[in-house]
Amino acid sequence: MQRMVIGLVDNLTGSEDENILRLSTEVLVMMAVGVLQQWKAPLAYYLVGGIKSAVQATLIKQISQLFHFDLHVVGFTCDGNCYENQQTLSI
């Protein structure tokens, strides 16, 4: 049996007006994963219908602030649309 999650798009702007009747087609998941030890923790997830590289870059910059909690970000792994990921990492 296939499991499915159905939800409305989170446009990441705080406005609910644009979300009405727009079903998500993808999920953006941000996770922290240990390098020297085996652990992983979800930091955030967003139901999206495609995401612009500028928004994705902003999220990555926020994740980079984990050093405030003694977590040192040493890399990012991107999955999905290659062009958008290249654009994101060039910002």
PDB file of N, CA and C in Angstrom:
ATOM      1  N   MET A   1       0.841  -1.176   0.000  1.00  0.00           N
ATOM      2  CA  MET A   1       0.000   0.000   0.000  1.00  0.00           C
ATOM      3  C   MET A   1       0.890   1.245   0.000  1.00  0.00           C
ATOM      4  N   GLN A   2       0.614   2.157  -0.891  1.00  0.00           N
ATOM      5  CA  GLN A   2       1.383   3.395  -0.982  1.00  0.00           C
ATOM      6  C   GLN A   2       0.800   4.434  -0.032  1.00  0.00           C
ATOM      7  N   ARG A   3       1.681   5.091   0.732  1.00  0.00           N
ATOM      8  CA  ARG A   3       1.232   6.144   1.639  1.00  0.00           C
ATOM      9  C   ARG A   3       1.325   7.478   0.921  1.00  0.00           C
ATOM     10  N   MET A   4       0.342   8.335   1.154  1.00  0.00           N
ATOM     11  CA  MET A   4       0.317   9.627   0.505  1.00  0.00           C
ATOM     12  C   MET A   4      -0.036  10.703   1.513  1.00  0.00           C
ATOM     13  N   VAL A   5       0.613  11.840   1.374  1.00  0.00           N
ATOM     14  CA  VAL A   5       0.273  13.016   2.168  1.00  0.00           C
ATOM     15  C   VAL A   5      -0.262  14.056   1.199  1.00  0.00           C
ATOM     16  N   ILE A   6      -1.434  14.565   1.476  1.00  0.00           N
ATOM     17  CA  ILE A   6      -2.031  15.576   0.623  1.00  0.00           C
ATOM     18  C   ILE A   6      -2.137  16.855   1.433  1.00  0.00           C
ATOM     19  N   GLY A   7      -1.655  17.950   0.853  1.00  0.00           N
ATOM     20  CA  GLY A   7      -1.725  19.220   1.558  1.00  0.00           C
ATOM     21  C   GLY A   7      -1.635  20.386   0.595  1.00  0.00           C
ATOM     22  N   LEU A   8      -1.895  21.550   1.116  1.00  0.00           N
ATOM     23  CA  LEU A   8      -1.820  22.764   0.320  1.00  0.00           C
ATOM     24  C   LEU A   8      -0.407  23.311   0.309  1.00  0.00           C
ATOM     25  N   VAL A   9      -0.074  24.023  -0.756  1.00  0.00           N
ATOM     26  CA  VAL A   9       1.255  24.603  -0.921  1.00  0.00           C
ATOM     27  C   VAL A   9       1.508  25.640   0.155  1.00  0.00           C
ATOM     28  N   ASP A  10       2.702  25.587   0.746  1.00  0.00           N
ATOM     29  CA  ASP A  10       3.180  26.626   1.653  1.00  0.00           C
ATOM     30  C   ASP A  10       4.073  27.523   0.813  1.00  0.00           C
ATOM     31  N   ASN A  11       3.613  28.747   0.526  1.00  0.00           N
ATOM     32  CA  ASN A  11       4.395  29.614  -0.368  1.00  0.00           C
ATOM     33  C   ASN A  11       5.541  30.314   0.350  1.00  0.00           C
ATOM     34  N   LEU A  12       5.710  30.044   1.639  1.00  0.00           N
ATOM     35  CA  LEU A  12       6.829  30.549   2.445  1.00  0.00           C
ATOM     36  C   LEU A  12       6.865  32.062   2.546  1.00  0.00           C
ATOM     37  N   THR A  13       5.738  32.735   2.314  1.00  0.00           N
ATOM     38  CA  THR A  13       5.689  34.188   2.437  1.00  0.00           C
ATOM     39  C   THR A  13       4.836  34.620   3.615  1.00  0.00           C
ATOM     40  N   GLY A  14       4.127  33.694   4.228  1.00  0.00           N
ATOM     41  CA  GLY A  14       3.263  34.030   5.344  1.00  0.00           C
ATOM     42  C   GLY A  14       1.848  34.376   4.921  1.00  0.00           C
ATOM     43  N   SER A  15       1.603  34.508   3.639  1.00  0.00           N
ATOM     44  CA  SER A  15       0.272  34.834   3.139  1.00  0.00           C
ATOM     45  C   SER A  15      -0.458  33.551   2.782  1.00  0.00           C
ATOM     46  N   GLU A  16      -1.672  33.408   3.284  1.00  0.00           N
ATOM     47  CA  GLU A  16      -2.454  32.209   2.975  1.00  0.00           C
ATOM     48  C   GLU A  16      -3.280  32.377   1.707  1.00  0.00           C
ATOM     49  N   ASP A  17      -3.422  33.596   1.217  1.00  0.00           N
ATOM     50  CA  ASP A  17      -4.280  33.849   0.056  1.00  0.00           C
ATOM     51  C   ASP A  17      -3.854  33.064  -1.178  1.00  0.00           C
ATOM     52  N   GLU A  18      -2.548  32.951  -1.408  1.00  0.00           N
ATOM     53  CA  GLU A  18      -2.057  32.282  -2.610  1.00  0.00           C
ATOM     54  C   GLU A  18      -2.144  30.766  -2.504  1.00  0.00           C
ATOM     55  N   ASN A  19      -2.360  30.242  -1.311  1.00  0.00           N
ATOM     56  CA  ASN A  19      -2.368  28.798  -1.099  1.00  0.00           C
ATOM     57  C   ASN A  19      -3.713  28.152  -1.408  1.00  0.00           C
ATOM     58  N   ILE A  20      -4.761  28.929  -1.523  1.00  0.00           N
ATOM     59  CA  ILE A  20      -6.101  28.381  -1.664  1.00  0.00           C
ATOM     60  C   ILE A  20      -6.199  27.517  -2.927  1.00  0.00           C
ATOM     61  N   LEU A  21      -6.653  26.288  -2.750  1.00  0.00           N
ATOM     62  CA  LEU A  21      -6.880  25.326  -3.826  1.00  0.00           C
ATOM     63  C   LEU A  21      -5.626  24.960  -4.619  1.00  0.00           C
ATOM     64  N   ARG A  22      -4.464  25.175  -4.075  1.00  0.00           N
ATOM     65  CA  ARG A  22      -3.229  24.765  -4.742  1.00  0.00           C
ATOM     66  C   ARG A  22      -2.626  23.596  -3.982  1.00  0.00           C
ATOM     67  N   LEU A  23      -2.762  22.403  -4.536  1.00  0.00           N
ATOM     68  CA  LEU A  23      -2.220  21.222  -3.876  1.00  0.00           C
ATOM     69  C   LEU A  23      -0.722  21.127  -4.124  1.00  0.00           C
ATOM     70  N   SER A  24      -0.030  20.681  -3.116  1.00  0.00           N
ATOM     71  CA  SER A  24       1.424  20.537  -3.261  1.00  0.00           C
ATOM     72  C   SER A  24       1.750  19.335  -4.142  1.00  0.00           C
ATOM     73  N   THR A  25       2.886  19.415  -4.811  1.00  0.00           N
ATOM     74  CA  THR A  25       3.355  18.317  -5.655  1.00  0.00           C
ATOM     75  C   THR A  25       4.688  17.773  -5.160  1.00  0.00           C
ATOM     76  N   GLU A  26       5.327  18.505  -4.232  1.00  0.00           N
ATOM     77  CA  GLU A  26       6.640  18.108  -3.717  1.00  0.00           C
ATOM     78  C   GLU A  26       6.738  18.480  -2.239  1.00  0.00           C
ATOM     79  N   VAL A  27       7.736  17.920  -1.595  1.00  0.00           N
ATOM     80  CA  VAL A  27       8.039  18.277  -0.213  1.00  0.00           C
ATOM     81  C   VAL A  27       9.511  18.657  -0.146  1.00  0.00           C
ATOM     82  N   LEU A  28       9.790  19.805   0.449  1.00  0.00           N
ATOM     83  CA  LEU A  28      11.161  20.236   0.689  1.00  0.00           C
ATOM     84  C   LEU A  28      11.473  19.913   2.143  1.00  0.00           C
ATOM     85  N   VAL A  29      12.476  19.078   2.377  1.00  0.00           N
ATOM     86  CA  VAL A  29      12.840  18.658   3.731  1.00  0.00           C
ATOM     87  C   VAL A  29      14.259  19.144   4.016  1.00  0.00           C
ATOM     88  N   MET A  30      14.426  19.797   5.152  1.00  0.00           N
ATOM     89  CA  MET A  30      15.746  20.236   5.599  1.00  0.00           C
ATOM     90  C   MET A  30      16.107  19.373   6.811  1.00  0.00           C
ATOM     91  N   MET A  31      17.256  18.683   6.734  1.00  0.00           N
ATOM     92  CA  MET A  31      17.680  17.806   7.822  1.00  0.00           C
ATOM     93  C   MET A  31      19.118  18.098   8.198  1.00  0.00           C
ATOM     94  N   ALA A  32      19.413  17.907   9.458  1.00  0.00           N
ATOM     95  CA  ALA A  32      20.793  17.931   9.942  1.00  0.00           C
ATOM     96  C   ALA A  32      21.215  16.469  10.118  1.00  0.00           C
ATOM     97  N   VAL A  33      22.430  16.150   9.650  1.00  0.00           N
ATOM     98  CA  VAL A  33      22.938  14.784   9.720  1.00  0.00           C
ATOM     99  C   VAL A  33      24.341  14.820  10.284  1.00  0.00           C
ATOM    100  N   GLY A  34      24.624  13.947  11.224  1.00  0.00           N
ATOM    101  CA  GLY A  34      25.960  13.893  11.818  1.00  0.00           C
ATOM    102  C   GLY A  34      26.991  13.360  10.839  1.00  0.00           C
ATOM    103  N   VAL A  35      28.193  13.919  10.892  1.00  0.00           N
ATOM    104  CA  VAL A  35      29.282  13.470  10.039  1.00  0.00           C
ATOM    105  C   VAL A  35      30.153  12.460  10.780  1.00  0.00           C
ATOM    106  N   LEU A  36      30.507  12.762  12.019  1.00  0.00           N
ATOM    107  CA  LEU A  36      31.382  11.883  12.794  1.00  0.00           C
ATOM    108  C   LEU A  36      30.601  10.864  13.614  1.00  0.00           C
ATOM    109  N   GLN A  37      29.343  11.126  13.851  1.00  0.00           N
ATOM    110  CA  GLN A  37      28.483  10.207  14.581  1.00  0.00           C
ATOM    111  C   GLN A  37      27.224   9.968  13.757  1.00  0.00           C
ATOM    112  N   GLN A  38      26.557   8.840  13.997  1.00  0.00           N
ATOM    113  CA  GLN A  38      25.347   8.521  13.238  1.00  0.00           C
ATOM    114  C   GLN A  38      24.129   9.096  13.925  1.00  0.00           C
ATOM    115  N   TRP A  39      23.641  10.203  13.392  1.00  0.00           N
ATOM    116  CA  TRP A  39      22.401  10.797  13.860  1.00  0.00           C
ATOM    117  C   TRP A  39      21.830  11.669  12.760  1.00  0.00           C
ATOM    118  N   LYS A  40      20.555  11.909  12.809  1.00  0.00           N
ATOM    119  CA  LYS A  40      19.915  12.843  11.889  1.00  0.00           C
ATOM    120  C   LYS A  40      18.677  13.414  12.571  1.00  0.00           C
ATOM    121  N   ALA A  41      18.366  14.663  12.219  1.00  0.00           N
ATOM    122  CA  ALA A  41      17.227  15.338  12.828  1.00  0.00           C
ATOM    123  C   ALA A  41      16.563  16.230  11.786  1.00  0.00           C
ATOM    124  N   PRO A  42      15.264  16.101  11.619  1.00  0.00           N
ATOM    125  CA  PRO A  42      14.571  17.010  10.699  1.00  0.00           C
ATOM    126  C   PRO A  42      14.538  18.411  11.307  1.00  0.00           C
ATOM    127  N   LEU A  43      14.830  19.411  10.486  1.00  0.00           N
ATOM    128  CA  LEU A  43      14.797  20.799  10.940  1.00  0.00           C
ATOM    129  C   LEU A  43      13.532  21.502  10.468  1.00  0.00           C
ATOM    130  N   ALA A  44      13.098  21.185   9.252  1.00  0.00           N
ATOM    131  CA  ALA A  44      11.897  21.813   8.704  1.00  0.00           C
ATOM    132  C   ALA A  44      11.438  21.032   7.485  1.00  0.00           C
ATOM    133  N   TYR A  45      10.156  21.149   7.186  1.00  0.00           N
ATOM    134  CA  TYR A  45       9.650  20.622   5.922  1.00  0.00           C
ATOM    135  C   TYR A  45       8.566  21.554   5.412  1.00  0.00           C
ATOM    136  N   TYR A  46       8.481  21.653   4.096  1.00  0.00           N
ATOM    137  CA  TYR A  46       7.517  22.538   3.454  1.00  0.00           C
ATOM    138  C   TYR A  46       6.835  21.787   2.319  1.00  0.00           C
ATOM    139  N   LEU A  47       5.532  21.893   2.238  1.00  0.00           N
ATOM    140  CA  LEU A  47       4.792  21.367   1.098  1.00  0.00           C
ATOM    141  C   LEU A  47       4.857  22.435   0.013  1.00  0.00           C
ATOM    142  N   VAL A  48       5.411  22.085  -1.130  1.00  0.00           N
ATOM    143  CA  VAL A  48       5.629  23.071  -2.189  1.00  0.00           C
ATOM    144  C   VAL A  48       5.111  22.544  -3.521  1.00  0.00           C
ATOM    145  N   GLY A  49       4.961  23.458  -4.449  1.00  0.00           N
ATOM    146  CA  GLY A  49       4.597  23.121  -5.822  1.00  0.00           C
ATOM    147  C   GLY A  49       5.702  23.633  -6.717  1.00  0.00           C
ATOM    148  N   GLY A  50       6.945  23.330  -6.358  1.00  0.00           N
ATOM    149  CA  GLY A  50       8.115  23.926  -6.991  1.00  0.00           C
ATOM    150  C   GLY A  50       8.571  25.064  -6.094  1.00  0.00           C
ATOM    151  N   ILE A  51       9.851  25.297  -6.051  1.00  0.00           N
ATOM    152  CA  ILE A  51      10.371  26.353  -5.177  1.00  0.00           C
ATOM    153  C   ILE A  51      11.414  27.149  -5.939  1.00  0.00           C
ATOM    154  N   LYS A  52      11.367  28.440  -5.794  1.00  0.00           N
ATOM    155  CA  LYS A  52      12.338  29.305  -6.473  1.00  0.00           C
ATOM    156  C   LYS A  52      13.683  29.210  -5.775  1.00  0.00           C
ATOM    157  N   SER A  53      14.745  29.339  -6.555  1.00  0.00           N
ATOM    158  CA  SER A  53      16.093  29.194  -6.009  1.00  0.00           C
ATOM    159  C   SER A  53      16.392  30.243  -4.942  1.00  0.00           C
ATOM    160  N   ALA A  54      15.852  31.454  -5.075  1.00  0.00           N
ATOM    161  CA  ALA A  54      16.107  32.505  -4.082  1.00  0.00           C
ATOM    162  C   ALA A  54      15.519  32.130  -2.721  1.00  0.00           C
ATOM    163  N   VAL A  55      14.331  31.515  -2.721  1.00  0.00           N
ATOM    164  CA  VAL A  55      13.713  31.091  -1.466  1.00  0.00           C
ATOM    165  C   VAL A  55      14.509  29.944  -0.870  1.00  0.00           C
ATOM    166  N   GLN A  56      14.915  29.009  -1.703  1.00  0.00           N
ATOM    167  CA  GLN A  56      15.700  27.871  -1.230  1.00  0.00           C
ATOM    168  C   GLN A  56      17.037  28.350  -0.669  1.00  0.00           C
ATOM    169  N   ALA A  57      17.670  29.330  -1.302  1.00  0.00           N
ATOM    170  CA  ALA A  57      18.946  29.879  -0.816  1.00  0.00           C
ATOM    171  C   ALA A  57      18.762  30.542   0.543  1.00  0.00           C
ATOM    172  N   THR A  58      17.653  31.238   0.728  1.00  0.00           N
ATOM    173  CA  THR A  58      17.371  31.869   2.018  1.00  0.00           C
ATOM    174  C   THR A  58      17.247  30.817   3.115  1.00  0.00           C
ATOM    175  N   LEU A  59      16.574  29.715   2.817  1.00  0.00           N
ATOM    176  CA  LEU A  59      16.434  28.637   3.796  1.00  0.00           C
ATOM    177  C   LEU A  59      17.788  28.035   4.147  1.00  0.00           C
ATOM    178  N   ILE A  60      18.640  27.848   3.141  1.00  0.00           N
ATOM    179  CA  ILE A  60      19.969  27.285   3.394  1.00  0.00           C
ATOM    180  C   ILE A  60      20.791  28.234   4.258  1.00  0.00           C
ATOM    181  N   LYS A  61      20.695  29.538   3.995  1.00  0.00           N
ATOM    182  CA  LYS A  61      21.428  30.514   4.821  1.00  0.00           C
ATOM    183  C   LYS A  61      20.952  30.472   6.264  1.00  0.00           C
ATOM    184  N   GLN A  62      19.655  30.267   6.464  1.00  0.00           N
ATOM    185  CA  GLN A  62      19.137  30.159   7.828  1.00  0.00           C
ATOM    186  C   GLN A  62      19.648  28.893   8.503  1.00  0.00           C
ATOM    187  N   ILE A  63      19.708  27.803   7.760  1.00  0.00           N
ATOM    188  CA  ILE A  63      20.222  26.551   8.311  1.00  0.00           C
ATOM    189  C   ILE A  63      21.695  26.706   8.696  1.00  0.00           C
ATOM    190  N   SER A  64      22.419  27.522   7.948  1.00  0.00           N
ATOM    191  CA  SER A  64      23.838  27.744   8.238  1.00  0.00           C
ATOM    192  C   SER A  64      24.049  28.360   9.616  1.00  0.00           C
ATOM    193  N   GLN A  65      23.022  28.916  10.195  1.00  0.00           N
ATOM    194  CA  GLN A  65      23.130  29.546  11.510  1.00  0.00           C
ATOM    195  C   GLN A  65      23.164  28.529  12.656  1.00  0.00           C
ATOM    196  N   LEU A  66      23.208  27.249  12.326  1.00  0.00           N
ATOM    197  CA  LEU A  66      23.239  26.211  13.361  1.00  0.00           C
ATOM    198  C   LEU A  66      24.479  26.279  14.239  1.00  0.00           C
ATOM    199  N   PHE A  67      25.498  27.026  13.801  1.00  0.00           N
ATOM    200  CA  PHE A  67      26.702  27.124  14.628  1.00  0.00           C
ATOM    201  C   PHE A  67      26.381  27.787  15.973  1.00  0.00           C
ATOM    202  N   HIS A  68      25.288  28.514  16.070  1.00  0.00           N
ATOM    203  CA  HIS A  68      24.873  29.101  17.346  1.00  0.00           C
ATOM    204  C   HIS A  68      24.552  28.016  18.372  1.00  0.00           C
ATOM    205  N   PHE A  69      24.303  26.802  17.885  1.00  0.00           N
ATOM    206  CA  PHE A  69      23.988  25.668  18.756  1.00  0.00           C
ATOM    207  C   PHE A  69      25.126  24.647  18.764  1.00  0.00           C
ATOM    208  N   ASP A  70      26.331  25.113  18.429  1.00  0.00           N
ATOM    209  CA  ASP A  70      27.527  24.255  18.361  1.00  0.00           C
ATOM    210  C   ASP A  70      27.410  23.149  17.322  1.00  0.00           C
ATOM    211  N   LEU A  71      26.631  23.366  16.293  1.00  0.00           N
ATOM    212  CA  LEU A  71      26.571  22.456  15.160  1.00  0.00           C
ATOM    213  C   LEU A  71      27.259  23.143  13.990  1.00  0.00           C
ATOM    214  N   HIS A  72      28.237  22.500  13.417  1.00  0.00           N
ATOM    215  CA  HIS A  72      29.023  23.092  12.343  1.00  0.00           C
ATOM    216  C   HIS A  72      28.595  22.505  11.002  1.00  0.00           C
ATOM    217  N   VAL A  73      28.038  23.343  10.154  1.00  0.00           N
ATOM    218  CA  VAL A  73      27.581  22.905   8.841  1.00  0.00           C
ATOM    219  C   VAL A  73      28.795  22.776   7.930  1.00  0.00           C
ATOM    220  N   VAL A  74      29.005  21.567   7.392  1.00  0.00           N
ATOM    221  CA  VAL A  74      30.159  21.333   6.525  1.00  0.00           C
ATOM    222  C   VAL A  74      29.755  21.067   5.081  1.00  0.00           C
ATOM    223  N   GLY A  75      28.458  20.928   4.813  1.00  0.00           N
ATOM    224  CA  GLY A  75      28.034  20.698   3.439  1.00  0.00           C
ATOM    225  C   GLY A  75      26.527  20.634   3.320  1.00  0.00           C
ATOM    226  N   PHE A  76      26.083  20.691   2.072  1.00  0.00           N
ATOM    227  CA  PHE A  76      24.667  20.571   1.740  1.00  0.00           C
ATOM    228  C   PHE A  76      24.522  19.525   0.654  1.00  0.00           C
ATOM    229  N   THR A  77      23.463  18.767   0.706  1.00  0.00           N
ATOM    230  CA  THR A  77      23.140  17.824  -0.352  1.00  0.00           C
ATOM    231  C   THR A  77      21.792  18.223  -0.928  1.00  0.00           C
ATOM    232  N   CYS A  78      21.735  18.356  -2.232  1.00  0.00           N
ATOM    233  CA  CYS A  78      20.496  18.752  -2.900  1.00  0.00           C
ATOM    234  C   CYS A  78      19.998  17.610  -3.768  1.00  0.00           C
ATOM    235  N   ASP A  79      18.697  17.457  -3.793  1.00  0.00           N
ATOM    236  CA  ASP A  79      18.054  16.428  -4.593  1.00  0.00           C
ATOM    237  C   ASP A  79      17.019  17.128  -5.460  1.00  0.00           C
ATOM    238  N   GLY A  80      16.680  16.570  -6.577  1.00  0.00           N
ATOM    239  CA  GLY A  80      15.617  17.150  -7.386  1.00  0.00           C
ATOM    240  C   GLY A  80      16.132  17.875  -8.608  1.00  0.00           C
ATOM    241  N   ASN A  81      15.520  19.011  -8.912  1.00  0.00           N
ATOM    242  CA  ASN A  81      15.795  19.784 -10.118  1.00  0.00           C
ATOM    243  C   ASN A  81      17.225  20.311 -10.126  1.00  0.00           C
ATOM    244  N   CYS A  82      18.051  19.802 -11.003  1.00  0.00           N
ATOM    245  CA  CYS A  82      19.466  20.164 -11.065  1.00  0.00           C
ATOM    246  C   CYS A  82      19.670  21.651 -11.335  1.00  0.00           C
ATOM    247  N   TYR A  83      18.909  22.212 -12.269  1.00  0.00           N
ATOM    248  CA  TYR A  83      19.080  23.631 -12.615  1.00  0.00           C
ATOM    249  C   TYR A  83      18.762  24.519 -11.421  1.00  0.00           C
ATOM    250  N   GLU A  84      17.643  24.254 -10.736  1.00  0.00           N
ATOM    251  CA  GLU A  84      17.279  25.069  -9.575  1.00  0.00           C
ATOM    252  C   GLU A  84      18.321  24.929  -8.474  1.00  0.00           C
ATOM    253  N   ASN A  85      18.843  23.727  -8.274  1.00  0.00           N
ATOM    254  CA  ASN A  85      19.868  23.541  -7.238  1.00  0.00           C
ATOM    255  C   ASN A  85      21.139  24.297  -7.575  1.00  0.00           C
ATOM    256  N   GLN A  86      21.546  24.311  -8.830  1.00  0.00           N
ATOM    257  CA  GLN A  86      22.728  25.076  -9.239  1.00  0.00           C
ATOM    258  C   GLN A  86      22.501  26.565  -9.014  1.00  0.00           C
ATOM    259  N   GLN A  87      21.308  27.050  -9.350  1.00  0.00           N
ATOM    260  CA  GLN A  87      20.972  28.451  -9.129  1.00  0.00           C
ATOM    261  C   GLN A  87      20.986  28.774  -7.646  1.00  0.00           C
ATOM    262  N   THR A  88      20.433  27.885  -6.852  1.00  0.00           N
ATOM    263  CA  THR A  88      20.375  28.089  -5.392  1.00  0.00           C
ATOM    264  C   THR A  88      21.774  28.235  -4.814  1.00  0.00           C
ATOM    265  N   LEU A  89      22.661  27.335  -5.164  1.00  0.00           N
ATOM    266  CA  LEU A  89      24.001  27.338  -4.577  1.00  0.00           C
ATOM    267  C   LEU A  89      24.884  28.452  -5.113  1.00  0.00           C
ATOM    268  N   SER A  90      24.473  29.073  -6.227  1.00  0.00           N
ATOM    269  CA  SER A  90      25.266  30.187  -6.750  1.00  0.00           C
ATOM    270  C   SER A  90      24.871  31.521  -6.116  1.00  0.00           C
ATOM    271  N   ILE A  91      23.769  31.546  -5.380  1.00  0.00           N
ATOM    272  CA  ILE A  91      23.304  32.793  -4.738  1.00  0.00           C
ATOM    273  C   ILE A  91      24.086  33.057  -3.483  1.00  0.00           C
TER     274      ILE A  91
END
